[in-house]
Protein backbone atom coordinates (compact mmCIF):
# COMPACT_ATOMS: atom_id res chain seq x y z
CA UNK A 1 -11.51 17.48 24.51
CA UNK A 2 -13.35 20.44 22.84
CA UNK A 3 -16.76 21.49 24.24
CA UNK A 4 -19.64 20.71 21.22
CA UNK A 5 -22.50 22.41 21.45
CA UNK A 6 -23.79 21.85 18.08
CA UNK A 7 -26.05 18.87 17.61
CA UNK A 8 -26.25 18.38 13.68
CA UNK A 9 -26.01 14.69 13.15
CA UNK A 10 -26.41 14.61 8.99
CA UNK A 11 -25.99 16.62 6.26
CA UNK A 12 -29.01 16.34 3.58
CA UNK A 13 -28.39 14.96 0.28
CA UNK A 14 -29.92 18.06 -1.23
CA UNK A 15 -26.52 19.61 -0.31
CA UNK A 16 -25.17 18.48 -3.66
CA UNK A 17 -27.39 21.28 -5.35
CA UNK A 18 -25.38 23.60 -3.83
CA UNK A 19 -23.51 24.17 -6.71
CA UNK A 20 -22.11 27.44 -6.35
CA UNK A 21 -20.83 27.26 -3.01
CA UNK A 22 -17.01 27.25 -2.16
CA UNK A 23 -16.88 27.13 1.36
CA UNK A 24 -18.63 24.38 4.06
CA UNK A 25 -17.62 24.57 7.61
CA UNK A 26 -19.58 21.99 9.96
CA UNK A 27 -17.19 22.40 12.94
CA UNK A 28 -17.89 20.41 16.12
CA UNK A 29 -21.12 18.55 15.57
CA UNK A 30 -22.41 14.96 15.59
CA UNK A 31 -22.41 14.25 11.80
CA UNK A 32 -21.51 10.39 11.38
CA UNK A 33 -21.38 10.37 7.53
CA UNK A 34 -21.20 12.44 4.66
CA UNK A 35 -23.76 12.29 1.73
CA UNK A 36 -22.61 10.96 -1.64
CA UNK A 37 -23.87 14.18 -3.27
CA UNK A 38 -21.19 16.02 -1.70
CA UNK A 39 -19.46 15.18 -4.70
CA UNK A 40 -21.37 17.52 -6.78
CA UNK A 41 -20.01 20.59 -5.16
CA UNK A 42 -17.84 21.51 -8.00
CA UNK A 43 -16.65 24.87 -6.61
CA UNK A 44 -16.15 23.71 -3.26
CA UNK A 45 -12.53 24.94 -2.26
CA UNK A 46 -12.88 24.52 1.61
CA UNK A 47 -14.30 21.66 3.43
CA UNK A 48 -14.05 21.27 7.43
CA UNK A 49 -15.51 18.47 9.34
CA UNK A 50 -13.27 19.21 12.62
CA UNK A 51 -14.41 17.49 15.68
CA UNK A 52 -17.54 15.31 14.59
CA UNK A 53 -18.50 11.53 14.88
CA UNK A 54 -17.50 10.57 10.94
CA UNK A 55 -16.60 7.26 10.07
CA UNK A 56 -16.50 6.83 6.41
CA UNK A 57 -15.73 9.28 3.43
CA UNK A 58 -17.66 8.64 0.42
CA UNK A 59 -15.45 7.74 -2.61
CA UNK A 60 -17.55 10.88 -4.37
CA UNK A 61 -15.21 13.30 -2.54
CA UNK A 62 -12.62 12.60 -4.98
CA UNK A 63 -14.56 14.63 -7.57
CA UNK A 64 -14.13 18.00 -5.64
CA UNK A 65 -11.94 18.94 -8.17
CA UNK A 66 -11.33 22.46 -7.05
CA UNK A 67 -10.98 21.35 -3.20
CA UNK A 68 -7.96 23.02 -1.82
CA UNK A 69 -8.38 22.66 2.11
CA UNK A 70 -9.62 19.42 3.43
CA UNK A 71 -10.13 19.10 7.63
CA UNK A 72 -11.25 15.93 8.59
CA UNK A 73 -9.39 16.09 11.83
CA UNK A 74 -11.15 14.64 15.10
CA UNK A 75 -13.52 12.40 13.54
CA UNK A 76 -13.42 8.15 13.51
CA UNK A 77 -12.27 8.14 10.18
CA UNK A 78 -11.03 4.39 9.45
CA UNK A 79 -10.21 4.65 6.07
CA UNK A 80 -9.46 7.01 3.40
CA UNK A 81 -11.28 6.38 0.12
CA UNK A 82 -9.02 5.67 -3.12
CA UNK A 83 -10.18 8.47 -4.82
CA UNK A 84 -8.42 11.07 -2.59
CA UNK A 85 -5.77 10.75 -5.06
CA UNK A 86 -7.78 12.67 -7.56
CA UNK A 87 -7.84 15.86 -5.33
CA UNK A 88 -5.55 17.72 -7.73
CA UNK A 89 -6.08 21.00 -6.24
CA UNK A 90 -5.58 20.09 -2.78
CA UNK A 91 -2.89 21.91 -0.71
CA UNK A 92 -4.18 21.18 2.87
CA UNK A 93 -4.90 17.85 4.07
CA UNK A 94 -5.39 17.31 7.96
CA UNK A 95 -6.66 14.19 9.30
CA UNK A 96 -5.16 14.00 12.61
CA UNK A 97 -6.76 12.54 15.69
CA UNK A 98 -8.83 9.72 13.66
CA UNK A 99 -8.36 5.85 13.53
CA UNK A 100 -6.56 5.34 10.40
CA UNK A 101 -4.70 2.20 10.06
CA UNK A 102 -3.43 2.89 6.33
CA UNK A 103 -3.30 5.67 4.14
CA UNK A 104 -4.26 4.45 0.41
CA UNK A 105 -1.37 4.34 -2.17
CA UNK A 106 -3.37 7.28 -4.57
CA UNK A 107 -2.28 9.91 -2.34
CA UNK A 108 0.78 10.10 -4.48
CA UNK A 109 -1.47 11.79 -6.53
CA UNK A 110 -1.91 14.65 -4.77
CA UNK A 111 0.73 16.71 -6.64
CA UNK A 112 0.01 20.45 -5.37
CA UNK A 113 -0.19 19.12 -1.75
CA UNK A 114 1.97 21.31 0.99
CA UNK A 115 0.64 20.19 4.42
CA UNK A 116 -0.01 17.13 5.06
CA UNK A 117 -0.93 15.89 9.03
CA UNK A 118 -1.91 12.41 9.83
CA UNK A 119 -0.75 12.16 13.67
CA UNK A 120 -2.44 10.82 16.19
CA UNK A 121 -4.14 7.75 13.98
CA UNK A 122 -3.14 3.91 14.29
CA UNK A 123 -1.17 3.94 11.24
CA UNK A 124 1.38 0.73 10.99
CA UNK A 125 2.60 1.77 7.24
CA UNK A 126 3.10 5.10 5.09
CA UNK A 127 3.18 3.75 1.53
CA UNK A 128 5.99 4.86 -0.58
CA UNK A 129 4.12 6.97 -3.01
CA UNK A 130 4.36 9.87 -0.35
CA UNK A 131 7.36 10.57 -2.43
CA UNK A 132 5.42 11.70 -5.00
CA UNK A 133 3.97 14.74 -3.23
CA UNK A 134 6.51 17.13 -5.05
CA UNK A 135 5.10 20.17 -2.99
CA UNK A 136 5.01 19.17 0.08
CA UNK A 137 6.70 21.02 2.91
CA UNK A 138 5.29 20.07 6.01
CA UNK A 139 4.43 16.30 6.71
CA UNK A 140 3.33 15.41 10.83
CA UNK A 141 3.18 11.51 11.65
CA UNK A 142 3.60 11.48 15.36
CA UNK A 143 1.88 9.22 17.71
CA UNK A 144 1.38 6.54 14.90
CA UNK A 145 2.05 2.75 15.30
CA UNK A 146 4.63 3.37 12.68
CA UNK A 147 7.97 1.46 12.64
CA UNK A 148 9.75 2.85 9.39
CA UNK A 149 9.18 5.61 7.42
CA UNK A 150 9.81 5.03 3.24
CA UNK A 151 12.89 5.90 1.63
CA UNK A 152 10.83 7.51 -0.75
CA UNK A 153 10.13 10.49 1.59
CA UNK A 154 13.89 11.63 0.54
CA UNK A 155 12.61 12.79 -2.79
CA UNK A 156 10.37 15.34 -1.51
CA UNK A 157 12.94 18.10 -2.19
CA UNK A 158 10.43 21.17 -0.64
CA UNK A 159 9.90 19.18 2.57
CA UNK A 160 10.78 21.79 5.29
CA UNK A 161 9.32 19.90 8.24
CA UNK A 162 8.69 16.41 9.58
CA UNK A 163 7.42 15.62 12.87
CA UNK A 164 7.57 12.34 14.47
CA UNK A 165 6.69 13.08 18.21
CA UNK A 166 6.02 9.89 20.56
CA UNK A 167 7.36 7.40 18.08
CA UNK A 168 9.51 5.18 20.11
CA UNK A 169 10.67 2.30 17.50
CA UNK A 170 11.02 4.34 14.69
CA UNK A 171 13.51 3.75 12.00
CA UNK A 172 14.13 6.90 10.22
CA UNK A 173 15.81 6.43 6.21
CA UNK A 174 19.46 7.41 6.37
CA UNK A 175 18.97 9.71 3.67
CA UNK A 176 16.68 12.25 5.68
CA UNK A 177 19.84 13.58 7.30
CA UNK A 178 21.05 14.42 3.70
CA UNK A 179 18.12 16.78 3.16
CA UNK A 180 19.55 20.08 3.96
CA UNK A 181 16.42 22.12 4.49
CA UNK A 182 14.77 19.83 6.46
CA UNK A 183 13.94 20.14 9.98
CA UNK A 184 13.06 16.70 11.85
CA UNK A 185 11.27 17.16 15.15
CA UNK A 186 11.73 13.74 16.63
CA UNK A 187 10.82 12.69 20.64
CA UNK A 188 9.90 9.06 21.64
CA UNK A 189 7.78 8.18 24.54
CA UNK A 190 8.85 9.64 27.72
């Protein structure tokens, strides 16, 4: 567990006026929500909100057309907005250690995404649109409530690393074994 000494509880609506900013880091605070004005930051390339108390993400996050890195790990997020699929420049997306139960179908729109970490959530299924992530190289689905992975994962020709730790009854599609460049890390509960 991280020791967080920062005490920032919210971001002002006026943050949307920082239209030239390209990097925002609010790591290890007590932020519970993001203002909708965050969607006005058209030049923002990196948004790091690791280890806060964020419960919801505004739909306006889908307006961040220049965003390349989005780190929302170690929060209390239960749902990802559908407009997340509009982040056409996103290459790095970390959502581990949240309370996610589902991933929207729109995630398939993240065509430049290279790394996706959804580990340590409460996911019960992964949408088949995951097979549309043509650039994906690394996927971590460890420590979720998944019983299957969609067969569409076999369409990910660039996928090199699939991590599935702590997944006892997971059924992996047969086609995964015929992906020659893929390394699968799998270990059930001890």
